[in-house]
All heavy atoms as atom14 arrays in JSON, in Angstrom:
{
  "sequence": "ITTGGSTNYADSVKGRFTISRDNAKSTMYLQMDSLKPEDTAVY",
  "atom14_mask": [
    [1, 1, 1, 1, 1, 1, 1, 1, 0, 0, 0, 0, 0, 0],
    [1, 1, 1, 1, 1, 1, 1, 0, 0, 0, 0, 0, 0, 0],
    [1, 1, 1, 1, 1, 1, 1, 0, 0, 0, 0, 0, 0, 0],
    [1, 1, 1, 1, 0, 0, 0, 0, 0, 0, 0, 0, 0, 0],
    [1, 1, 1, 1, 0, 0, 0, 0, 0, 0, 0, 0, 0, 0],
    [1, 1, 1, 1, 1, 1, 0, 0, 0, 0, 0, 0, 0, 0],
    [1, 1, 1, 1, 1, 1, 1, 0, 0, 0, 0, 0, 0, 0],
    [1, 1, 1, 1, 1, 1, 1, 1, 0, 0, 0, 0, 0, 0],
    [1, 1, 1, 1, 1, 1, 1, 1, 1, 1, 1, 1, 0, 0],
    [1, 1, 1, 1, 1, 0, 0, 0, 0, 0, 0, 0, 0, 0],
    [1, 1, 1, 1, 1, 1, 1, 1, 0, 0, 0, 0, 0, 0],
    [1, 1, 1, 1, 1, 1, 0, 0, 0, 0, 0, 0, 0, 0],
    [1, 1, 1, 1, 1, 1, 1, 0, 0, 0, 0, 0, 0, 0],
    [1, 1, 1, 1, 1, 1, 1, 1, 1, 0, 0, 0, 0, 0],
    [1, 1, 1, 1, 0, 0, 0, 0, 0, 0, 0, 0, 0, 0],
    [1, 1, 1, 1, 1, 1, 1, 1, 1, 1, 1, 0, 0, 0],
    [1, 1, 1, 1, 1, 1, 1, 1, 1, 1, 1, 0, 0, 0],
    [1, 1, 1, 1, 1, 1, 1, 0, 0, 0, 0, 0, 0, 0],
    [1, 1, 1, 1, 1, 1, 1, 1, 0, 0, 0, 0, 0, 0],
    [1, 1, 1, 1, 1, 1, 0, 0, 0, 0, 0, 0, 0, 0],
    [1, 1, 1, 1, 1, 1, 1, 1, 1, 1, 1, 0, 0, 0],
    [1, 1, 1, 1, 1, 1, 1, 1, 0, 0, 0, 0, 0, 0],
    [1, 1, 1, 1, 1, 1, 1, 1, 0, 0, 0, 0, 0, 0],
    [1, 1, 1, 1, 1, 0, 0, 0, 0, 0, 0, 0, 0, 0],
    [1, 1, 1, 1, 1, 1, 1, 1, 1, 0, 0, 0, 0, 0],
    [1, 1, 1, 1, 1, 1, 0, 0, 0, 0, 0, 0, 0, 0],
    [1, 1, 1, 1, 1, 1, 1, 0, 0, 0, 0, 0, 0, 0],
    [1, 1, 1, 1, 1, 1, 1, 1, 0, 0, 0, 0, 0, 0],
    [1, 1, 1, 1, 1, 1, 1, 1, 1, 1, 1, 1, 0, 0],
    [1, 1, 1, 1, 1, 1, 1, 1, 0, 0, 0, 0, 0, 0],
    [1, 1, 1, 1, 1, 1, 1, 1, 1, 0, 0, 0, 0, 0],
    [1, 1, 1, 1, 1, 1, 1, 1, 0, 0, 0, 0, 0, 0],
    [1, 1, 1, 1, 1, 1, 1, 1, 0, 0, 0, 0, 0, 0],
    [1, 1, 1, 1, 1, 1, 0, 0, 0, 0, 0, 0, 0, 0],
    [1, 1, 1, 1, 1, 1, 1, 1, 0, 0, 0, 0, 0, 0],
    [1, 1, 1, 1, 1, 1, 1, 1, 1, 0, 0, 0, 0, 0],
    [1, 1, 1, 1, 1, 1, 1, 0, 0, 0, 0, 0, 0, 0],
    [1, 1, 1, 1, 1, 1, 1, 1, 1, 0, 0, 0, 0, 0],
    [1, 1, 1, 1, 1, 1, 1, 1, 0, 0, 0, 0, 0, 0],
    [1, 1, 1, 1, 1, 1, 1, 0, 0, 0, 0, 0, 0, 0],
    [1, 1, 1, 1, 1, 0, 0, 0, 0, 0, 0, 0, 0, 0],
    [1, 1, 1, 1, 1, 1, 1, 0, 0, 0, 0, 0, 0, 0],
    [1, 1, 1, 1, 1, 1, 1, 1, 1, 1, 1, 1, 0, 0]
  ],
  "atom14_positions": [
    [[2.45, 50.23, 5.51], [1.62, 49.4, 4.63], [0.38, 48.93, 5.5], [0.48, 48.51, 6.68], [2.44, 48.1, 4.17], [1.56, 47.22, 3.27], [2.97, 47.29, 5.34], [2.35, 46.22, 2.43], [0.0, 0.0, 0.0], [0.0, 0.0, 0.0], [0.0, 0.0, 0.0], [0.0, 0.0, 0.0], [0.0, 0.0, 0.0], [0.0, 0.0, 0.0]],
    [[-0.8, 49.07, 4.87], [-2.05, 48.82, 5.59], [-2.36, 47.34, 5.59], [-1.66, 46.53, 4.97], [-3.2, 49.61, 4.97], [-3.44, 49.09, 3.71], [-2.85, 51.06, 4.87], [0.0, 0.0, 0.0], [0.0, 0.0, 0.0], [0.0, 0.0, 0.0], [0.0, 0.0, 0.0], [0.0, 0.0, 0.0], [0.0, 0.0, 0.0], [0.0, 0.0, 0.0]],
    [[-3.44, 46.97, 6.25], [-3.86, 45.61, 6.32], [-4.26, 45.08, 4.89], [-4.14, 43.99, 4.53], [-5.03, 45.45, 7.23], [-6.11, 46.24, 6.85], [-4.66, 45.66, 8.67], [0.0, 0.0, 0.0], [0.0, 0.0, 0.0], [0.0, 0.0, 0.0], [0.0, 0.0, 0.0], [0.0, 0.0, 0.0], [0.0, 0.0, 0.0], [0.0, 0.0, 0.0]],
    [[-4.72, 46.13, 4.05], [-5.09, 45.81, 2.7], [-3.95, 45.89, 1.64], [-4.22, 45.61, 0.49], [0.0, 0.0, 0.0], [0.0, 0.0, 0.0], [0.0, 0.0, 0.0], [0.0, 0.0, 0.0], [0.0, 0.0, 0.0], [0.0, 0.0, 0.0], [0.0, 0.0, 0.0], [0.0, 0.0, 0.0], [0.0, 0.0, 0.0], [0.0, 0.0, 0.0]],
    [[-2.79, 46.3, 2.1], [-1.63, 46.31, 1.23], [-1.34, 47.64, 0.67], [-0.4, 47.76, -0.17], [0.0, 0.0, 0.0], [0.0, 0.0, 0.0], [0.0, 0.0, 0.0], [0.0, 0.0, 0.0], [0.0, 0.0, 0.0], [0.0, 0.0, 0.0], [0.0, 0.0, 0.0], [0.0, 0.0, 0.0], [0.0, 0.0, 0.0], [0.0, 0.0, 0.0]],
    [[-2.07, 48.72, 0.97], [-1.75, 50.02, 0.5], [-0.52, 50.53, 1.15], [-0.29, 50.37, 2.28], [-2.93, 51.0, 0.72], [-4.06, 50.6, 0.05], [0.0, 0.0, 0.0], [0.0, 0.0, 0.0], [0.0, 0.0, 0.0], [0.0, 0.0, 0.0], [0.0, 0.0, 0.0], [0.0, 0.0, 0.0], [0.0, 0.0, 0.0], [0.0, 0.0, 0.0]],
    [[0.36, 51.16, 0.44], [1.67, 51.7, 0.89], [1.79, 53.19, 0.87], [1.17, 53.86, 0.05], [2.83, 51.0, 0.05], [2.66, 51.42, -1.28], [2.81, 49.51, 0.22], [0.0, 0.0, 0.0], [0.0, 0.0, 0.0], [0.0, 0.0, 0.0], [0.0, 0.0, 0.0], [0.0, 0.0, 0.0], [0.0, 0.0, 0.0], [0.0, 0.0, 0.0]],
    [[2.67, 53.7, 1.75], [3.0, 55.06, 1.73], [4.43, 55.22, 2.1], [4.93, 54.46, 2.95], [2.1, 55.78, 2.78], [2.37, 57.34, 2.78], [2.07, 57.99, 1.81], [2.74, 57.82, 3.9], [0.0, 0.0, 0.0], [0.0, 0.0, 0.0], [0.0, 0.0, 0.0], [0.0, 0.0, 0.0], [0.0, 0.0, 0.0], [0.0, 0.0, 0.0]],
    [[5.16, 56.22, 1.48], [6.56, 56.39, 1.68], [6.89, 57.82, 1.99], [6.26, 58.72, 1.51], [7.35, 55.93, 0.46], [7.18, 54.48, 0.05], [6.19, 54.08, -0.81], [8.08, 53.54, 0.57], [6.09, 52.79, -1.19], [7.99, 52.23, 0.17], [6.95, 51.84, -0.63], [6.87, 50.56, -1.01], [0.0, 0.0, 0.0], [0.0, 0.0, 0.0]],
    [[7.88, 57.97, 2.84], [8.48, 59.3, 2.99], [9.12, 59.73, 1.7], [9.55, 58.97, 0.95], [9.53, 59.27, 4.11], [0.0, 0.0, 0.0], [0.0, 0.0, 0.0], [0.0, 0.0, 0.0], [0.0, 0.0, 0.0], [0.0, 0.0, 0.0], [0.0, 0.0, 0.0], [0.0, 0.0, 0.0], [0.0, 0.0, 0.0], [0.0, 0.0, 0.0]],
    [[9.04, 61.06, 1.45], [9.56, 61.6, 0.24], [11.03, 61.23, 0.08], [11.44, 61.04, -1.11], [9.43, 63.07, 0.18], [7.99, 63.61, -0.04], [7.1, 62.72, -0.53], [7.69, 64.71, 0.24], [0.0, 0.0, 0.0], [0.0, 0.0, 0.0], [0.0, 0.0, 0.0], [0.0, 0.0, 0.0], [0.0, 0.0, 0.0], [0.0, 0.0, 0.0]],
    [[11.78, 61.19, 1.11], [13.18, 60.93, 1.03], [13.59, 59.59, 0.56], [14.78, 59.29, 0.07], [13.86, 61.14, 2.39], [13.34, 60.33, 3.38], [0.0, 0.0, 0.0], [0.0, 0.0, 0.0], [0.0, 0.0, 0.0], [0.0, 0.0, 0.0], [0.0, 0.0, 0.0], [0.0, 0.0, 0.0], [0.0, 0.0, 0.0], [0.0, 0.0, 0.0]],
    [[12.58, 58.62, 0.59], [12.93, 57.22, 0.21], [12.12, 56.77, -1.02], [12.3, 55.6, -1.52], [12.69, 56.22, 1.32], [13.59, 56.69, 2.55], [11.27, 56.05, 1.65], [0.0, 0.0, 0.0], [0.0, 0.0, 0.0], [0.0, 0.0, 0.0], [0.0, 0.0, 0.0], [0.0, 0.0, 0.0], [0.0, 0.0, 0.0], [0.0, 0.0, 0.0]],
    [[11.15, 57.61, -1.51], [10.35, 57.18, -2.65], [11.23, 56.82, -3.89], [12.14, 57.52, -4.21], [9.39, 58.32, -3.02], [8.22, 58.42, -2.08], [7.32, 59.5, -2.49], [6.05, 59.69, -1.57], [5.18, 60.8, -1.93], [0.0, 0.0, 0.0], [0.0, 0.0, 0.0], [0.0, 0.0, 0.0], [0.0, 0.0, 0.0], [0.0, 0.0, 0.0]],
    [[10.9, 55.73, -4.46], [11.64, 55.3, -5.63], [12.82, 54.44, -5.29], [13.45, 53.82, -6.23], [0.0, 0.0, 0.0], [0.0, 0.0, 0.0], [0.0, 0.0, 0.0], [0.0, 0.0, 0.0], [0.0, 0.0, 0.0], [0.0, 0.0, 0.0], [0.0, 0.0, 0.0], [0.0, 0.0, 0.0], [0.0, 0.0, 0.0], [0.0, 0.0, 0.0]],
    [[13.24, 54.36, -4.02], [14.44, 53.65, -3.61], [14.06, 52.43, -2.64], [14.7, 51.4, -2.72], [15.41, 54.6, -2.93], [15.96, 55.63, -3.82], [17.13, 56.4, -3.14], [16.7, 57.07, -1.87], [17.21, 56.78, -0.66], [18.18, 55.92, -0.61], [16.79, 57.43, 0.37], [0.0, 0.0, 0.0], [0.0, 0.0, 0.0], [0.0, 0.0, 0.0]],
    [[13.09, 52.73, -1.83], [12.71, 51.69, -0.83], [11.34, 51.08, -1.2], [10.47, 51.67, -1.8], [12.51, 52.28, 0.57], [13.84, 52.81, 1.24], [15.03, 52.77, 0.53], [13.8, 53.13, 2.6], [16.18, 53.18, 1.08], [15.01, 53.51, 3.12], [16.21, 53.58, 2.41], [0.0, 0.0, 0.0], [0.0, 0.0, 0.0], [0.0, 0.0, 0.0]],
    [[11.15, 49.78, -0.88], [9.91, 49.08, -1.17], [9.52, 48.34, 0.15], [10.24, 47.46, 0.67], [10.02, 48.1, -2.31], [10.45, 48.78, -3.45], [8.65, 47.45, -2.53], [0.0, 0.0, 0.0], [0.0, 0.0, 0.0], [0.0, 0.0, 0.0], [0.0, 0.0, 0.0], [0.0, 0.0, 0.0], [0.0, 0.0, 0.0], [0.0, 0.0, 0.0]],
    [[8.32, 48.58, 0.72], [7.72, 47.9, 1.78], [6.77, 46.81, 1.33], [6.06, 46.98, 0.37], [7.06, 48.9, 2.79], [6.65, 48.27, 4.11], [5.85, 49.58, 2.11], [6.17, 49.2, 5.12], [0.0, 0.0, 0.0], [0.0, 0.0, 0.0], [0.0, 0.0, 0.0], [0.0, 0.0, 0.0], [0.0, 0.0, 0.0], [0.0, 0.0, 0.0]],
    [[6.8, 45.74, 2.04], [5.87, 44.6, 1.67], [5.58, 43.83, 2.93], [6.21, 43.96, 3.97], [6.42, 43.7, 0.58], [7.71, 43.07, 1.0], [0.0, 0.0, 0.0], [0.0, 0.0, 0.0], [0.0, 0.0, 0.0], [0.0, 0.0, 0.0], [0.0, 0.0, 0.0], [0.0, 0.0, 0.0], [0.0, 0.0, 0.0], [0.0, 0.0, 0.0]],
    [[4.57, 42.96, 2.85], [4.2, 42.1, 3.98], [3.77, 40.74, 3.47], [3.18, 40.67, 2.42], [3.11, 42.76, 4.82], [1.82, 42.94, 4.25], [0.86, 43.81, 5.1], [0.55, 43.19, 6.26], [-0.01, 43.85, 7.36], [-0.24, 45.19, 7.26], [-0.33, 43.19, 8.44], [0.0, 0.0, 0.0], [0.0, 0.0, 0.0], [0.0, 0.0, 0.0]],
    [[3.97, 39.75, 4.34], [3.55, 38.39, 4.04], [2.74, 37.99, 5.28], [3.36, 37.54, 6.22], [4.71, 37.5, 3.75], [4.3, 36.09, 3.28], [3.13, 35.66, 3.56], [5.08, 35.33, 2.66], [0.0, 0.0, 0.0], [0.0, 0.0, 0.0], [0.0, 0.0, 0.0], [0.0, 0.0, 0.0], [0.0, 0.0, 0.0], [0.0, 0.0, 0.0]],
    [[1.46, 38.07, 5.14], [0.62, 37.77, 6.38], [0.73, 36.27, 6.8], [0.62, 35.99, 7.95], [-0.92, 38.13, 6.08], [-1.0, 39.63, 6.04], [-0.2, 40.41, 6.46], [-2.21, 40.02, 5.47], [0.0, 0.0, 0.0], [0.0, 0.0, 0.0], [0.0, 0.0, 0.0], [0.0, 0.0, 0.0], [0.0, 0.0, 0.0], [0.0, 0.0, 0.0]],
    [[0.91, 35.4, 5.8], [1.02, 33.97, 6.08], [2.24, 33.73, 6.97], [2.33, 32.77, 7.77], [1.07, 33.16, 4.89], [0.0, 0.0, 0.0], [0.0, 0.0, 0.0], [0.0, 0.0, 0.0], [0.0, 0.0, 0.0], [0.0, 0.0, 0.0], [0.0, 0.0, 0.0], [0.0, 0.0, 0.0], [0.0, 0.0, 0.0], [0.0, 0.0, 0.0]],
    [[3.31, 34.53, 6.81], [4.58, 34.44, 7.55], [4.66, 35.36, 8.67], [5.65, 35.37, 9.4], [5.78, 34.55, 6.66], [5.9, 33.51, 5.51], [7.12, 33.66, 4.74], [7.29, 32.61, 3.68], [8.44, 32.76, 2.83], [0.0, 0.0, 0.0], [0.0, 0.0, 0.0], [0.0, 0.0, 0.0], [0.0, 0.0, 0.0], [0.0, 0.0, 0.0]],
    [[3.65, 36.22, 8.95], [3.67, 37.24, 9.93], [4.99, 38.08, 9.89], [5.59, 38.41, 10.89], [3.5, 36.63, 11.28], [2.22, 36.01, 11.43], [0.0, 0.0, 0.0], [0.0, 0.0, 0.0], [0.0, 0.0, 0.0], [0.0, 0.0, 0.0], [0.0, 0.0, 0.0], [0.0, 0.0, 0.0], [0.0, 0.0, 0.0], [0.0, 0.0, 0.0]],
    [[5.3, 38.46, 8.67], [6.61, 39.13, 8.41], [6.4, 40.3, 7.51], [5.68, 40.23, 6.54], [7.67, 38.22, 7.81], [7.82, 37.04, 8.72], [8.97, 38.94, 7.67], [0.0, 0.0, 0.0], [0.0, 0.0, 0.0], [0.0, 0.0, 0.0], [0.0, 0.0, 0.0], [0.0, 0.0, 0.0], [0.0, 0.0, 0.0], [0.0, 0.0, 0.0]],
    [[7.06, 41.5, 7.83], [7.08, 42.63, 6.98], [8.53, 42.84, 6.53], [9.52, 42.5, 7.24], [6.63, 43.91, 7.78], [6.72, 45.18, 7.04], [6.23, 46.59, 8.04], [7.47, 46.59, 9.38], [0.0, 0.0, 0.0], [0.0, 0.0, 0.0], [0.0, 0.0, 0.0], [0.0, 0.0, 0.0], [0.0, 0.0, 0.0], [0.0, 0.0, 0.0]],
    [[8.61, 43.33, 5.34], [10.02, 43.6, 4.72], [10.18, 45.02, 4.25], [9.2, 45.77, 4.02], [10.13, 42.64, 3.52], [9.82, 41.23, 3.77], [8.58, 40.68, 3.52], [10.87, 40.35, 4.29], [8.31, 39.35, 3.74], [10.56, 39.01, 4.47], [9.31, 38.51, 4.24], [9.03, 37.23, 4.51], [0.0, 0.0, 0.0], [0.0, 0.0, 0.0]],
    [[11.46, 45.41, 4.18], [11.79, 46.68, 3.55], [13.03, 46.46, 2.74], [14.08, 46.13, 3.2], [12.11, 47.73, 4.69], [12.43, 49.16, 4.13], [11.17, 49.78, 3.5], [13.0, 50.0, 5.22], [0.0, 0.0, 0.0], [0.0, 0.0, 0.0], [0.0, 0.0, 0.0], [0.0, 0.0, 0.0], [0.0, 0.0, 0.0], [0.0, 0.0, 0.0]],
    [[12.8, 46.55, 1.39], [13.89, 46.51, 0.47], [14.48, 47.88, 0.22], [13.72, 48.74, -0.23], [13.5, 45.83, -0.81], [14.55, 45.71, -1.88], [15.74, 44.85, -1.47], [15.5, 43.79, -0.86], [16.93, 45.33, -1.72], [0.0, 0.0, 0.0], [0.0, 0.0, 0.0], [0.0, 0.0, 0.0], [0.0, 0.0, 0.0], [0.0, 0.0, 0.0]],
    [[15.73, 48.11, 0.49], [16.32, 49.34, 0.32], [17.44, 49.31, -0.74], [18.4, 48.56, -0.63], [17.01, 49.8, 1.64], [16.01, 49.8, 2.85], [16.77, 50.4, 4.4], [17.92, 49.08, 4.71], [0.0, 0.0, 0.0], [0.0, 0.0, 0.0], [0.0, 0.0, 0.0], [0.0, 0.0, 0.0], [0.0, 0.0, 0.0], [0.0, 0.0, 0.0]],
    [[17.25, 50.15, -1.76], [18.17, 50.18, -2.84], [18.69, 51.56, -2.98], [18.15, 52.6, -2.42], [17.47, 49.78, -4.2], [16.91, 48.42, -4.21], [17.63, 47.49, -3.66], [15.82, 48.22, -4.71], [0.0, 0.0, 0.0], [0.0, 0.0, 0.0], [0.0, 0.0, 0.0], [0.0, 0.0, 0.0], [0.0, 0.0, 0.0], [0.0, 0.0, 0.0]],
    [[19.79, 51.73, -3.72], [20.47, 53.0, -3.95], [20.67, 53.8, -2.57], [20.33, 54.97, -2.55], [19.59, 53.88, -4.89], [19.48, 53.22, -6.14], [0.0, 0.0, 0.0], [0.0, 0.0, 0.0], [0.0, 0.0, 0.0], [0.0, 0.0, 0.0], [0.0, 0.0, 0.0], [0.0, 0.0, 0.0], [0.0, 0.0, 0.0], [0.0, 0.0, 0.0]],
    [[21.19, 53.1, -1.66], [21.37, 53.66, -0.37], [22.32, 54.85, -0.3], [23.29, 54.85, -1.03], [21.81, 52.61, 0.66], [20.68, 51.65, 1.13], [21.3, 50.3, 1.71], [19.82, 52.28, 2.13], [0.0, 0.0, 0.0], [0.0, 0.0, 0.0], [0.0, 0.0, 0.0], [0.0, 0.0, 0.0], [0.0, 0.0, 0.0], [0.0, 0.0, 0.0]],
    [[22.03, 55.83, 0.54], [22.75, 57.01, 0.67], [23.29, 57.08, 2.19], [22.65, 56.5, 3.06], [21.92, 58.23, 0.41], [21.22, 58.24, -0.95], [20.33, 59.42, -1.1], [19.61, 59.5, -2.45], [18.74, 60.65, -2.58], [0.0, 0.0, 0.0], [0.0, 0.0, 0.0], [0.0, 0.0, 0.0], [0.0, 0.0, 0.0], [0.0, 0.0, 0.0]],
    [[24.38, 57.88, 2.38], [24.82, 58.03, 3.77], [23.75, 58.59, 4.67], [23.7, 58.27, 5.86], [25.99, 59.05, 3.62], [26.54, 58.75, 2.27], [25.3, 58.44, 1.44], [0.0, 0.0, 0.0], [0.0, 0.0, 0.0], [0.0, 0.0, 0.0], [0.0, 0.0, 0.0], [0.0, 0.0, 0.0], [0.0, 0.0, 0.0], [0.0, 0.0, 0.0]],
    [[22.83, 59.41, 4.17], [21.74, 59.96, 4.95], [20.78, 58.9, 5.44], [19.89, 59.28, 6.25], [20.96, 61.0, 4.09], [21.92, 62.09, 3.57], [22.41, 61.79, 2.26], [21.72, 62.16, 1.14], [23.5, 61.23, 2.07], [0.0, 0.0, 0.0], [0.0, 0.0, 0.0], [0.0, 0.0, 0.0], [0.0, 0.0, 0.0], [0.0, 0.0, 0.0]],
    [[20.78, 57.73, 4.86], [19.93, 56.61, 5.3], [20.47, 55.92, 6.53], [19.71, 55.09, 7.14], [19.75, 55.64, 4.13], [19.02, 56.14, 2.93], [18.09, 56.9, 3.07], [19.52, 55.78, 1.8], [0.0, 0.0, 0.0], [0.0, 0.0, 0.0], [0.0, 0.0, 0.0], [0.0, 0.0, 0.0], [0.0, 0.0, 0.0], [0.0, 0.0, 0.0]],
    [[21.63, 56.31, 7.01], [22.17, 55.69, 8.16], [21.3, 56.0, 9.43], [20.99, 57.13, 9.71], [23.63, 56.24, 8.44], [24.42, 55.8, 7.38], [24.15, 55.67, 9.76], [0.0, 0.0, 0.0], [0.0, 0.0, 0.0], [0.0, 0.0, 0.0], [0.0, 0.0, 0.0], [0.0, 0.0, 0.0], [0.0, 0.0, 0.0], [0.0, 0.0, 0.0]],
    [[20.83, 54.98, 10.08], [19.92, 55.05, 11.24], [19.7, 53.74, 11.82], [20.01, 52.75, 11.27], [18.67, 55.79, 10.82], [0.0, 0.0, 0.0], [0.0, 0.0, 0.0], [0.0, 0.0, 0.0], [0.0, 0.0, 0.0], [0.0, 0.0, 0.0], [0.0, 0.0, 0.0], [0.0, 0.0, 0.0], [0.0, 0.0, 0.0], [0.0, 0.0, 0.0]],
    [[19.1, 53.77, 12.97], [18.46, 52.51, 13.53], [17.02, 52.51, 12.97], [16.22, 53.34, 13.06], [18.42, 52.56, 15.09], [17.74, 51.27, 15.61], [19.79, 52.64, 15.61], [0.0, 0.0, 0.0], [0.0, 0.0, 0.0], [0.0, 0.0, 0.0], [0.0, 0.0, 0.0], [0.0, 0.0, 0.0], [0.0, 0.0, 0.0], [0.0, 0.0, 0.0]],
    [[16.71, 51.3, 12.32], [15.45, 51.13, 11.77], [14.47, 50.23, 12.65], [14.91, 49.21, 13.07], [15.59, 50.44, 10.36], [16.06, 51.42, 9.25], [17.35, 51.87, 9.33], [15.15, 51.8, 8.28], [17.78, 52.79, 8.38], [15.59, 52.67, 7.3], [16.9, 53.19, 7.37], [17.29, 54.07, 6.4], [0.0, 0.0, 0.0], [0.0, 0.0, 0.0]]
  ]
}
């Protein structure tokens, strides 16, 4: 996610994951839905 809020996703997670940011809280988020065993990893 860019400073302007534009997002880009790997093909493997498109439609399932959502990236967002809250600049006031200096925090970035990743909402992961419909998780698969292949998503197992250190993030």
